[in-house]
């Protein structure tokens, strides 16, 4: 299988939105997705971009993506925060996720980050196994906070 990882383009956003919706369906929360293509275009490509993304292509089809932005730790410094990481179901277990994650790690190094962080649902055993297989540490002592406005 011919897989290519590249930086995302504005023209990829409709496929990225499909992947976001697929992920929300997998996470049993499709009704939670309220973002629009227009909002993604504005936030990612007008003024200072609020996010970045890499896409995985197979046979010229977008089959995965890593959606990220930067955060700052007062204890450590600049950290790449992986917001969403998804490979289409029919393309999993083919090494695409590992290739995509490794490219994201290279991007973090290129952007002079001291590390990467993300969240994973405690019931997503496949993702947990994947992250552990690449040497990631997963913590259970932190609770997530959120306040929607």
C-alpha atoms as a PDB file:
ATOM      1  CA  UNK A   1       0.000   0.000   0.000  1.00  0.00           C
ATOM      2  CA  UNK A   2       1.317   3.400  -0.979  1.00  0.00           C
ATOM      3  CA  UNK A   3       0.828   5.799   1.949  1.00  0.00           C
ATOM      4  CA  UNK A   4       1.934   9.400   1.911  1.00  0.00           C
ATOM      5  CA  UNK A   5       1.855  11.789   4.901  1.00  0.00           C
ATOM      6  CA  UNK A   6       1.751  15.493   4.185  1.00  0.00           C
ATOM      7  CA  UNK A   7       0.701  18.803   5.754  1.00  0.00           C
ATOM      8  CA  UNK A   8      -2.997  19.469   5.414  1.00  0.00           C
ATOM      9  CA  UNK A   9      -4.320  22.006   2.939  1.00  0.00           C
ATOM     10  CA  UNK A  10      -7.465  24.110   2.981  1.00  0.00           C
ATOM     11  CA  UNK A  11      -8.811  21.900   0.191  1.00  0.00           C
ATOM     12  CA  UNK A  12      -8.522  18.868   2.541  1.00  0.00           C
ATOM     13  CA  UNK A  13     -10.879  20.302   5.155  1.00  0.00           C
ATOM     14  CA  UNK A  14     -14.042  18.675   3.799  1.00  0.00           C
ATOM     15  CA  UNK A  15     -12.364  15.248   4.137  1.00  0.00           C
ATOM     16  CA  UNK A  16     -11.051  16.234   7.572  1.00  0.00           C
ATOM     17  CA  UNK A  17     -14.583  17.152   8.647  1.00  0.00           C
ATOM     18  CA  UNK A  18     -15.749  13.711   7.472  1.00  0.00           C
ATOM     19  CA  UNK A  19     -13.025  12.116   9.622  1.00  0.00           C
ATOM     20  CA  UNK A  20     -14.034  14.272  12.599  1.00  0.00           C
ATOM     21  CA  UNK A  21     -17.628  13.096  12.199  1.00  0.00           C
ATOM     22  CA  UNK A  22     -16.488   9.465  11.824  1.00  0.00           C
ATOM     23  CA  UNK A  23     -14.481   9.789  15.038  1.00  0.00           C
ATOM     24  CA  UNK A  24     -17.437  11.327  16.879  1.00  0.00           C
ATOM     25  CA  UNK A  25     -19.646   8.451  15.733  1.00  0.00           C
ATOM     26  CA  UNK A  26     -17.024   5.950  16.942  1.00  0.00           C
ATOM     27  CA  UNK A  27     -16.858   7.782  20.287  1.00  0.00           C
ATOM     28  CA  UNK A  28     -20.659   7.578  20.561  1.00  0.00           C
ATOM     29  CA  UNK A  29     -21.102  11.352  20.432  1.00  0.00           C
ATOM     30  CA  UNK A  30     -22.009  12.387  16.862  1.00  0.00           C
ATOM     31  CA  UNK A  31     -24.375  15.081  18.131  1.00  0.00           C
ATOM     32  CA  UNK A  32     -21.436  16.840  19.805  1.00  0.00           C
ATOM     33  CA  UNK A  33     -19.883  17.928  16.491  1.00  0.00           C
ATOM     34  CA  UNK A  34     -21.067  21.454  15.755  1.00  0.00           C
ATOM     35  CA  UNK A  35     -18.043  22.725  13.813  1.00  0.00           C
ATOM     36  CA  UNK A  36     -18.669  23.696  10.187  1.00  0.00           C
ATOM     37  CA  UNK A  37     -16.431  23.641   7.153  1.00  0.00           C
ATOM     38  CA  UNK A  38     -16.584  27.436   7.081  1.00  0.00           C
ATOM     39  CA  UNK A  39     -15.419  27.681  10.700  1.00  0.00           C
ATOM     40  CA  UNK A  40     -12.529  25.278  10.049  1.00  0.00           C
ATOM     41  CA  UNK A  41     -11.501  27.319   7.007  1.00  0.00           C
ATOM     42  CA  UNK A  42     -11.614  30.575   8.991  1.00  0.00           C
ATOM     43  CA  UNK A  43      -9.817  29.230  12.072  1.00  0.00           C
ATOM     44  CA  UNK A  44      -7.156  27.351  10.131  1.00  0.00           C
ATOM     45  CA  UNK A  45      -6.443  29.571   7.176  1.00  0.00           C
ATOM     46  CA  UNK A  46      -7.393  33.173   7.973  1.00  0.00           C
ATOM     47  CA  UNK A  47      -4.993  35.217  10.091  1.00  0.00           C
ATOM     48  CA  UNK A  48      -2.950  33.287  12.626  1.00  0.00           C
ATOM     49  CA  UNK A  49      -3.907  29.607  12.305  1.00  0.00           C
ATOM     50  CA  UNK A  50      -5.463  28.151  15.450  1.00  0.00           C
ATOM     51  CA  UNK A  51      -4.677  24.585  14.374  1.00  0.00           C
ATOM     52  CA  UNK A  52      -2.588  22.505  11.984  1.00  0.00           C
ATOM     53  CA  UNK A  53      -3.065  19.036  10.594  1.00  0.00           C
ATOM     54  CA  UNK A  54      -1.326  16.269   8.733  1.00  0.00           C
ATOM     55  CA  UNK A  55      -3.162  13.942   6.380  1.00  0.00           C
ATOM     56  CA  UNK A  56      -2.427  10.365   5.439  1.00  0.00           C
ATOM     57  CA  UNK A  57      -3.165   9.557   1.820  1.00  0.00           C
ATOM     58  CA  UNK A  58      -3.444   6.142   0.265  1.00  0.00           C
ATOM     59  CA  UNK A  59      -3.903   5.955  -3.501  1.00  0.00           C
ATOM     60  CA  UNK A  60      -4.611   9.726  -3.521  1.00  0.00           C
ATOM     61  CA  UNK A  61      -7.442   9.355  -0.961  1.00  0.00           C
ATOM     62  CA  UNK A  62      -7.322  10.972   2.488  1.00  0.00           C
ATOM     63  CA  UNK A  63      -7.571   8.009   4.883  1.00  0.00           C
ATOM     64  CA  UNK A  64      -6.352   9.569   8.125  1.00  0.00           C
ATOM     65  CA  UNK A  65      -5.383  12.749   9.879  1.00  0.00           C
ATOM     66  CA  UNK A  66      -3.626  14.158  12.901  1.00  0.00           C
ATOM     67  CA  UNK A  67      -5.183  17.459  14.011  1.00  0.00           C
ATOM     68  CA  UNK A  68      -3.042  19.497  16.413  1.00  0.00           C
ATOM     69  CA  UNK A  69      -2.141  22.832  17.917  1.00  0.00           C
ATOM     70  CA  UNK A  70       0.446  24.111  20.375  1.00  0.00           C
ATOM     71  CA  UNK A  71       0.029  24.671  24.069  1.00  0.00           C
ATOM     72  CA  UNK A  72       2.462  25.953  26.617  1.00  0.00           C
ATOM     73  CA  UNK A  73       3.388  24.271  29.882  1.00  0.00           C
ATOM     74  CA  UNK A  74       4.668  26.581  32.584  1.00  0.00           C
ATOM     75  CA  UNK A  75       6.705  23.625  33.844  1.00  0.00           C
ATOM     76  CA  UNK A  76       8.114  22.351  30.541  1.00  0.00           C
ATOM     77  CA  UNK A  77       7.590  24.765  27.622  1.00  0.00           C
ATOM     78  CA  UNK A  78       6.062  24.315  24.169  1.00  0.00           C
ATOM     79  CA  UNK A  79       4.027  21.140  23.694  1.00  0.00           C
ATOM     80  CA  UNK A  80       2.266  19.837  20.608  1.00  0.00           C
ATOM     81  CA  UNK A  81      -1.294  18.952  21.614  1.00  0.00           C
ATOM     82  CA  UNK A  82      -2.864  16.242  19.483  1.00  0.00           C
ATOM     83  CA  UNK A  83      -6.564  17.065  19.375  1.00  0.00           C
ATOM     84  CA  UNK A  84      -7.729  14.304  17.014  1.00  0.00           C
ATOM     85  CA  UNK A  85      -5.962  11.331  15.505  1.00  0.00           C
ATOM     86  CA  UNK A  86      -7.945   9.039  13.247  1.00  0.00           C
ATOM     87  CA  UNK A  87      -7.469   6.523  10.476  1.00  0.00           C
ATOM     88  CA  UNK A  88     -10.506   5.272   8.555  1.00  0.00           C
ATOM     89  CA  UNK A  89     -11.692   1.923   9.890  1.00  0.00           C
ATOM     90  CA  UNK A  90     -10.976   0.028   6.657  1.00  0.00           C
ATOM     91  CA  UNK A  91      -7.380   1.314   6.627  1.00  0.00           C
ATOM     92  CA  UNK A  92      -6.455   0.409  10.197  1.00  0.00           C
ATOM     93  CA  UNK A  93      -3.872  -2.260  11.092  1.00  0.00           C
ATOM     94  CA  UNK A  94      -1.846  -1.446   7.973  1.00  0.00           C
ATOM     95  CA  UNK A  95       0.794   0.728   9.635  1.00  0.00           C
ATOM     96  CA  UNK A  96      -0.778   4.016   8.521  1.00  0.00           C
ATOM     97  CA  UNK A  97      -1.417   5.187  12.091  1.00  0.00           C
ATOM     98  CA  UNK A  98       2.151   4.501  13.148  1.00  0.00           C
ATOM     99  CA  UNK A  99       3.533   6.284  10.081  1.00  0.00           C
ATOM    100  CA  UNK A 100       1.236   9.248  10.690  1.00  0.00           C
ATOM    101  CA  UNK A 101       2.137   9.425  14.376  1.00  0.00           C
ATOM    102  CA  UNK A 102       5.869   9.234  13.611  1.00  0.00           C
ATOM    103  CA  UNK A 103       5.519  12.094  11.143  1.00  0.00           C
ATOM    104  CA  UNK A 104       3.655  14.089  13.788  1.00  0.00           C
ATOM    105  CA  UNK A 105       6.473  13.391  16.242  1.00  0.00           C
ATOM    106  CA  UNK A 106       8.964  14.664  13.652  1.00  0.00           C
ATOM    107  CA  UNK A 107       6.823  17.779  13.241  1.00  0.00           C
ATOM    108  CA  UNK A 108       6.918  18.365  17.015  1.00  0.00           C
ATOM    109  CA  UNK A 109      10.709  18.090  16.975  1.00  0.00           C
ATOM    110  CA  UNK A 110      10.937  20.443  13.977  1.00  0.00           C
ATOM    111  CA  UNK A 111       8.716  22.945  15.809  1.00  0.00           C
ATOM    112  CA  UNK A 112      11.026  22.735  18.857  1.00  0.00           C
ATOM    113  CA  UNK A 113       8.451  21.205  21.173  1.00  0.00           C
ATOM    114  CA  UNK A 114       9.566  19.512  24.369  1.00  0.00           C
ATOM    115  CA  UNK A 115       6.862  16.883  24.025  1.00  0.00           C
ATOM    116  CA  UNK A 116       3.421  15.886  22.842  1.00  0.00           C
ATOM    117  CA  UNK A 117       0.180  15.336  24.745  1.00  0.00           C
ATOM    118  CA  UNK A 118      -3.314  14.057  23.982  1.00  0.00           C
ATOM    119  CA  UNK A 119      -6.305  12.342  25.526  1.00  0.00           C
ATOM    120  CA  UNK A 120      -7.660   8.865  24.915  1.00  0.00           C
ATOM    121  CA  UNK A 121     -10.956   7.445  26.122  1.00  0.00           C
ATOM    122  CA  UNK A 122     -10.473   4.816  28.809  1.00  0.00           C
ATOM    123  CA  UNK A 123     -12.607   2.296  26.889  1.00  0.00           C
ATOM    124  CA  UNK A 124     -10.710   2.669  23.595  1.00  0.00           C
ATOM    125  CA  UNK A 125      -8.487  -0.359  24.098  1.00  0.00           C
ATOM    126  CA  UNK A 126      -7.118  -0.379  20.538  1.00  0.00           C
ATOM    127  CA  UNK A 127      -5.917   3.221  20.879  1.00  0.00           C
ATOM    128  CA  UNK A 128      -4.487   2.550  24.332  1.00  0.00           C
ATOM    129  CA  UNK A 129      -2.543  -0.438  22.995  1.00  0.00           C
ATOM    130  CA  UNK A 130      -1.321   1.671  20.066  1.00  0.00           C
ATOM    131  CA  UNK A 131      -0.088   4.501  22.289  1.00  0.00           C
ATOM    132  CA  UNK A 132       1.618   2.091  24.684  1.00  0.00           C
ATOM    133  CA  UNK A 133       3.279   0.316  21.737  1.00  0.00           C
ATOM    134  CA  UNK A 134       5.022   3.555  20.748  1.00  0.00           C
ATOM    135  CA  UNK A 135       6.266   4.148  24.283  1.00  0.00           C
ATOM    136  CA  UNK A 136       3.707   6.719  25.435  1.00  0.00           C
ATOM    137  CA  UNK A 137       2.822   7.143  29.079  1.00  0.00           C
ATOM    138  CA  UNK A 138      -0.872   7.259  29.951  1.00  0.00           C
ATOM    139  CA  UNK A 139      -2.018   8.773  33.229  1.00  0.00           C
ATOM    140  CA  UNK A 140      -5.196   8.245  35.188  1.00  0.00           C
ATOM    141  CA  UNK A 141      -4.679  10.670  38.064  1.00  0.00           C
ATOM    142  CA  UNK A 142      -5.748  13.812  36.175  1.00  0.00           C
ATOM    143  CA  UNK A 143      -9.380  14.773  35.671  1.00  0.00           C
ATOM    144  CA  UNK A 144     -10.384  16.759  32.611  1.00  0.00           C
ATOM    145  CA  UNK A 145     -12.141  20.084  33.042  1.00  0.00           C
ATOM    146  CA  UNK A 146     -14.317  21.839  30.514  1.00  0.00           C
ATOM    147  CA  UNK A 147     -16.525  24.923  30.460  1.00  0.00           C
ATOM    148  CA  UNK A 148     -18.419  25.556  27.249  1.00  0.00           C
ATOM    149  CA  UNK A 149     -19.534  29.135  26.577  1.00  0.00           C
END
